Amino acid sequence: MIPTRQRIATTRGATGVCITIVGRFDFSCHQDFRKAYESIGPVPECQVDLKDTEYIDSSALGMLLLLREAYPDTVVKIQNATPSVKKILQIANFGSLFKIV
């Protein structure tokens, strides 16, 4: 469970990590998101869980690209996006860069 003030949490699993984002995924969480992915190191798989993400902007798209750049050998999956967030990912053509599930 993510504490009320924390919007980004990292959970380790058998094959990699899951970064969960709650609320708005925008520039205000840039440092926390960077710390989250820098703390994981190279892993086979990284899931970005957007189940509780209500908003995503262009800076968040840039942060996802930075995650992908930081770990080019890691499979990055974006999962559980709400319909409005998924639409933004589709418009940005992120389906060609990430595995969206």
N, C-alpha and C. Protein backbone atom coordinates (compact mmCIF):
# COMPACT_ATOMS: atom_id res chain seq x y z
N MET A 1 0.84 -1.19 0.00
CA MET A 1 0.00 0.00 0.00
C MET A 1 0.88 1.24 0.00
N ILE A 2 0.51 2.24 -0.77
CA ILE A 2 1.28 3.47 -0.87
C ILE A 2 0.76 4.45 0.19
N PRO A 3 1.66 5.00 1.02
CA PRO A 3 1.23 6.00 1.99
C PRO A 3 0.58 7.19 1.28
N THR A 4 -0.26 7.92 1.99
CA THR A 4 -1.04 9.00 1.40
C THR A 4 -0.19 10.02 0.64
N ARG A 5 0.93 10.44 1.19
CA ARG A 5 1.72 11.48 0.55
C ARG A 5 2.63 10.94 -0.55
N GLN A 6 2.93 9.67 -0.53
CA GLN A 6 3.82 9.08 -1.53
C GLN A 6 3.02 8.73 -2.77
N ARG A 7 3.49 9.16 -3.93
CA ARG A 7 2.77 8.89 -5.17
C ARG A 7 3.46 7.84 -6.02
N ILE A 8 4.67 7.47 -5.67
CA ILE A 8 5.40 6.49 -6.45
C ILE A 8 5.98 5.45 -5.50
N ALA A 9 5.73 4.18 -5.81
CA ALA A 9 6.25 3.09 -4.98
C ALA A 9 6.90 2.06 -5.89
N THR A 10 7.95 1.44 -5.37
CA THR A 10 8.66 0.40 -6.11
C THR A 10 8.55 -0.91 -5.35
N THR A 11 8.16 -1.97 -6.06
CA THR A 11 8.03 -3.29 -5.47
C THR A 11 8.88 -4.27 -6.28
N ARG A 12 9.70 -5.04 -5.59
CA ARG A 12 10.51 -6.05 -6.28
C ARG A 12 9.76 -7.35 -6.39
N GLY A 13 9.90 -8.01 -7.54
CA GLY A 13 9.28 -9.30 -7.78
C GLY A 13 10.32 -10.31 -8.22
N ALA A 14 9.87 -11.47 -8.65
CA ALA A 14 10.78 -12.55 -9.05
C ALA A 14 11.60 -12.20 -10.28
N THR A 15 10.99 -11.53 -11.26
CA THR A 15 11.70 -11.25 -12.51
C THR A 15 12.08 -9.80 -12.69
N GLY A 16 11.69 -8.95 -11.76
CA GLY A 16 12.01 -7.54 -11.92
C GLY A 16 11.32 -6.69 -10.87
N VAL A 17 10.91 -5.51 -11.30
CA VAL A 17 10.29 -4.56 -10.37
C VAL A 17 9.00 -4.01 -10.97
N CYS A 18 8.19 -3.44 -10.08
CA CYS A 18 6.99 -2.75 -10.49
C CYS A 18 7.03 -1.36 -9.87
N ILE A 19 6.89 -0.35 -10.71
CA ILE A 19 6.81 1.03 -10.23
C ILE A 19 5.34 1.43 -10.35
N THR A 20 4.72 1.76 -9.22
CA THR A 20 3.32 2.14 -9.19
C THR A 20 3.20 3.65 -9.01
N ILE A 21 2.36 4.26 -9.82
CA ILE A 21 2.17 5.71 -9.77
C ILE A 21 0.71 5.99 -9.43
N VAL A 22 0.51 6.78 -8.39
CA VAL A 22 -0.83 7.11 -7.92
C VAL A 22 -1.09 8.60 -8.15
N GLY A 23 -2.26 8.91 -8.69
CA GLY A 23 -2.65 10.30 -8.89
C GLY A 23 -2.16 10.84 -10.21
N ARG A 24 -1.58 12.03 -10.16
CA ARG A 24 -1.10 12.71 -11.36
C ARG A 24 0.35 12.30 -11.65
N PHE A 25 0.59 11.86 -12.88
CA PHE A 25 1.94 11.54 -13.33
C PHE A 25 2.37 12.71 -14.20
N ASP A 26 3.04 13.68 -13.55
CA ASP A 26 3.44 14.89 -14.24
C ASP A 26 4.80 15.34 -13.72
N PHE A 27 5.22 16.52 -14.11
CA PHE A 27 6.56 16.98 -13.76
C PHE A 27 6.80 17.05 -12.26
N SER A 28 5.76 17.22 -11.48
CA SER A 28 5.94 17.33 -10.03
C SER A 28 6.49 16.05 -9.40
N CYS A 29 6.41 14.93 -10.09
CA CYS A 29 6.95 13.69 -9.53
C CYS A 29 8.21 13.23 -10.28
N HIS A 30 8.82 14.14 -11.03
CA HIS A 30 10.02 13.81 -11.81
C HIS A 30 11.13 13.24 -10.93
N GLN A 31 11.47 13.91 -9.86
CA GLN A 31 12.57 13.44 -9.00
C GLN A 31 12.26 12.09 -8.37
N ASP A 32 11.05 11.92 -7.88
CA ASP A 32 10.67 10.66 -7.25
C ASP A 32 10.68 9.51 -8.25
N PHE A 33 10.21 9.77 -9.47
CA PHE A 33 10.21 8.72 -10.49
C PHE A 33 11.64 8.35 -10.86
N ARG A 34 12.50 9.36 -11.03
CA ARG A 34 13.91 9.09 -11.36
C ARG A 34 14.57 8.27 -10.26
N LYS A 35 14.35 8.66 -9.00
CA LYS A 35 14.92 7.91 -7.88
C LYS A 35 14.41 6.47 -7.87
N ALA A 36 13.14 6.29 -8.21
CA ALA A 36 12.56 4.94 -8.23
C ALA A 36 13.25 4.06 -9.25
N TYR A 37 13.43 4.55 -10.48
CA TYR A 37 14.05 3.68 -11.47
C TYR A 37 15.56 3.60 -11.32
N GLU A 38 16.21 4.62 -10.80
CA GLU A 38 17.65 4.53 -10.58
C GLU A 38 17.98 3.56 -9.45
N SER A 39 17.08 3.40 -8.50
CA SER A 39 17.32 2.50 -7.37
C SER A 39 17.19 1.04 -7.74
N ILE A 40 16.55 0.72 -8.87
CA ILE A 40 16.33 -0.68 -9.20
C ILE A 40 17.52 -1.33 -9.88
N GLY A 41 18.30 -0.55 -10.60
CA GLY A 41 19.40 -1.13 -11.36
C GLY A 41 18.86 -1.95 -12.52
N PRO A 42 19.74 -2.53 -13.31
CA PRO A 42 19.28 -3.33 -14.45
C PRO A 42 18.54 -4.59 -13.97
N VAL A 43 17.36 -4.81 -14.53
CA VAL A 43 16.55 -5.99 -14.23
C VAL A 43 15.98 -6.50 -15.55
N PRO A 44 15.57 -7.76 -15.60
CA PRO A 44 15.00 -8.26 -16.86
C PRO A 44 13.70 -7.56 -17.25
N GLU A 45 12.89 -7.18 -16.24
CA GLU A 45 11.59 -6.59 -16.56
C GLU A 45 11.23 -5.50 -15.56
N CYS A 46 10.64 -4.43 -16.07
CA CYS A 46 10.14 -3.35 -15.22
C CYS A 46 8.71 -3.07 -15.64
N GLN A 47 7.80 -3.18 -14.70
CA GLN A 47 6.40 -2.86 -14.96
C GLN A 47 6.09 -1.49 -14.37
N VAL A 48 5.43 -0.67 -15.15
CA VAL A 48 4.96 0.62 -14.67
C VAL A 48 3.44 0.49 -14.56
N ASP A 49 2.96 0.46 -13.33
CA ASP A 49 1.54 0.23 -13.06
C ASP A 49 0.81 1.57 -12.95
N LEU A 50 -0.11 1.81 -13.88
CA LEU A 50 -0.84 3.07 -13.94
C LEU A 50 -2.30 2.90 -13.51
N LYS A 51 -2.58 1.85 -12.77
CA LYS A 51 -3.95 1.55 -12.34
C LYS A 51 -4.58 2.73 -11.60
N ASP A 52 -3.81 3.39 -10.76
CA ASP A 52 -4.33 4.50 -9.96
C ASP A 52 -3.84 5.86 -10.46
N THR A 53 -3.42 5.91 -11.71
CA THR A 53 -2.95 7.16 -12.31
C THR A 53 -4.12 7.82 -13.02
N GLU A 54 -4.47 9.01 -12.58
CA GLU A 54 -5.63 9.70 -13.13
C GLU A 54 -5.28 10.67 -14.25
N TYR A 55 -3.99 11.02 -14.38
CA TYR A 55 -3.58 12.03 -15.35
C TYR A 55 -2.14 11.78 -15.73
N ILE A 56 -1.84 12.00 -17.00
CA ILE A 56 -0.46 11.86 -17.48
C ILE A 56 -0.22 12.99 -18.48
N ASP A 57 0.96 13.62 -18.40
CA ASP A 57 1.25 14.71 -19.34
C ASP A 57 2.52 14.40 -20.12
N SER A 58 2.95 15.35 -20.93
CA SER A 58 4.11 15.13 -21.80
C SER A 58 5.39 14.92 -21.00
N SER A 59 5.51 15.54 -19.84
CA SER A 59 6.72 15.31 -19.04
C SER A 59 6.76 13.87 -18.53
N ALA A 60 5.61 13.28 -18.24
CA ALA A 60 5.55 11.88 -17.82
C ALA A 60 5.98 10.97 -18.98
N LEU A 61 5.56 11.32 -20.19
CA LEU A 61 5.99 10.54 -21.36
C LEU A 61 7.51 10.60 -21.48
N GLY A 62 8.07 11.78 -21.25
CA GLY A 62 9.52 11.92 -21.28
C GLY A 62 10.20 11.10 -20.20
N MET A 63 9.59 11.04 -19.02
CA MET A 63 10.16 10.24 -17.93
C MET A 63 10.16 8.75 -18.28
N LEU A 64 9.11 8.29 -18.94
CA LEU A 64 9.07 6.89 -19.37
C LEU A 64 10.17 6.62 -20.39
N LEU A 65 10.42 7.57 -21.28
CA LEU A 65 11.51 7.41 -22.25
C LEU A 65 12.87 7.38 -21.56
N LEU A 66 13.05 8.19 -20.52
CA LEU A 66 14.30 8.18 -19.77
C LEU A 66 14.52 6.84 -19.07
N LEU A 67 13.44 6.25 -18.55
CA LEU A 67 13.53 4.92 -17.95
C LEU A 67 14.00 3.91 -18.99
N ARG A 68 13.41 3.96 -20.15
CA ARG A 68 13.79 3.04 -21.24
C ARG A 68 15.24 3.23 -21.66
N GLU A 69 15.68 4.48 -21.73
CA GLU A 69 17.08 4.79 -22.07
C GLU A 69 18.05 4.30 -21.01
N ALA A 70 17.66 4.44 -19.75
CA ALA A 70 18.55 4.06 -18.65
C ALA A 70 18.82 2.56 -18.65
N TYR A 71 17.85 1.76 -19.06
CA TYR A 71 17.98 0.31 -19.04
C TYR A 71 17.54 -0.28 -20.38
N PRO A 72 18.36 -0.14 -21.41
CA PRO A 72 17.96 -0.58 -22.75
C PRO A 72 17.70 -2.08 -22.87
N ASP A 73 18.26 -2.88 -21.97
CA ASP A 73 18.06 -4.33 -22.03
C ASP A 73 16.90 -4.80 -21.18
N THR A 74 16.23 -3.89 -20.52
CA THR A 74 15.09 -4.22 -19.67
C THR A 74 13.80 -4.09 -20.47
N VAL A 75 12.93 -5.08 -20.35
CA VAL A 75 11.61 -5.00 -20.97
C VAL A 75 10.75 -4.12 -20.06
N VAL A 76 10.24 -3.03 -20.61
CA VAL A 76 9.40 -2.11 -19.83
C VAL A 76 7.96 -2.32 -20.27
N LYS A 77 7.13 -2.71 -19.31
CA LYS A 77 5.70 -2.91 -19.56
C LYS A 77 4.91 -1.82 -18.86
N ILE A 78 4.01 -1.21 -19.58
CA ILE A 78 3.09 -0.24 -19.00
C ILE A 78 1.76 -0.97 -18.85
N GLN A 79 1.27 -1.06 -17.63
CA GLN A 79 0.08 -1.87 -17.41
C GLN A 79 -1.01 -1.12 -16.66
N ASN A 80 -2.23 -1.61 -16.82
CA ASN A 80 -3.41 -1.15 -16.09
C ASN A 80 -3.74 0.33 -16.31
N ALA A 81 -3.43 0.86 -17.46
CA ALA A 81 -3.75 2.27 -17.72
C ALA A 81 -5.26 2.45 -17.86
N THR A 82 -5.76 3.53 -17.30
CA THR A 82 -7.17 3.87 -17.47
C THR A 82 -7.41 4.22 -18.94
N PRO A 83 -8.65 4.20 -19.39
CA PRO A 83 -8.90 4.52 -20.81
C PRO A 83 -8.36 5.89 -21.24
N SER A 84 -8.47 6.90 -20.38
CA SER A 84 -7.97 8.23 -20.77
C SER A 84 -6.45 8.27 -20.85
N VAL A 85 -5.79 7.58 -19.92
CA VAL A 85 -4.32 7.52 -19.95
C VAL A 85 -3.87 6.68 -21.13
N LYS A 86 -4.55 5.57 -21.38
CA LYS A 86 -4.20 4.70 -22.50
C LYS A 86 -4.33 5.45 -23.83
N LYS A 87 -5.33 6.31 -23.94
CA LYS A 87 -5.51 7.10 -25.16
C LYS A 87 -4.31 8.01 -25.41
N ILE A 88 -3.79 8.63 -24.36
CA ILE A 88 -2.61 9.49 -24.49
C ILE A 88 -1.41 8.67 -24.93
N LEU A 89 -1.24 7.49 -24.35
CA LEU A 89 -0.13 6.61 -24.74
C LEU A 89 -0.25 6.20 -26.21
N GLN A 90 -1.47 5.95 -26.66
CA GLN A 90 -1.69 5.57 -28.06
C GLN A 90 -1.41 6.74 -29.00
N ILE A 91 -1.86 7.94 -28.63
CA ILE A 91 -1.62 9.12 -29.46
C ILE A 91 -0.12 9.37 -29.60
N ALA A 92 0.63 9.13 -28.51
CA ALA A 92 2.08 9.32 -28.52
C ALA A 92 2.81 8.14 -29.17
N ASN A 93 2.06 7.15 -29.63
CA ASN A 93 2.62 5.96 -30.30
C ASN A 93 3.56 5.17 -29.38
N PHE A 94 3.25 5.14 -28.09
CA PHE A 94 4.10 4.44 -27.14
C PHE A 94 3.97 2.92 -27.26
N GLY A 95 2.96 2.44 -27.96
CA GLY A 95 2.83 1.00 -28.19
C GLY A 95 3.97 0.44 -29.01
N SER A 96 4.63 1.30 -29.78
CA SER A 96 5.78 0.84 -30.57
C SER A 96 7.08 0.86 -29.76
N LEU A 97 7.05 1.54 -28.61
CA LEU A 97 8.26 1.65 -27.79
C LEU A 97 8.20 0.80 -26.52
N PHE A 98 7.00 0.56 -26.03
CA PHE A 98 6.79 -0.16 -24.78
C PHE A 98 5.76 -1.26 -25.01
N LYS A 99 5.78 -2.24 -24.13
CA LYS A 99 4.73 -3.24 -24.15
C LYS A 99 3.61 -2.71 -23.25
N ILE A 100 2.46 -2.41 -23.84
CA ILE A 100 1.33 -1.89 -23.07
C ILE A 100 0.33 -3.02 -22.87
N VAL A 101 0.12 -3.36 -21.60
CA VAL A 101 -0.79 -4.47 -21.26
C VAL A 101 -1.89 -4.01 -20.33
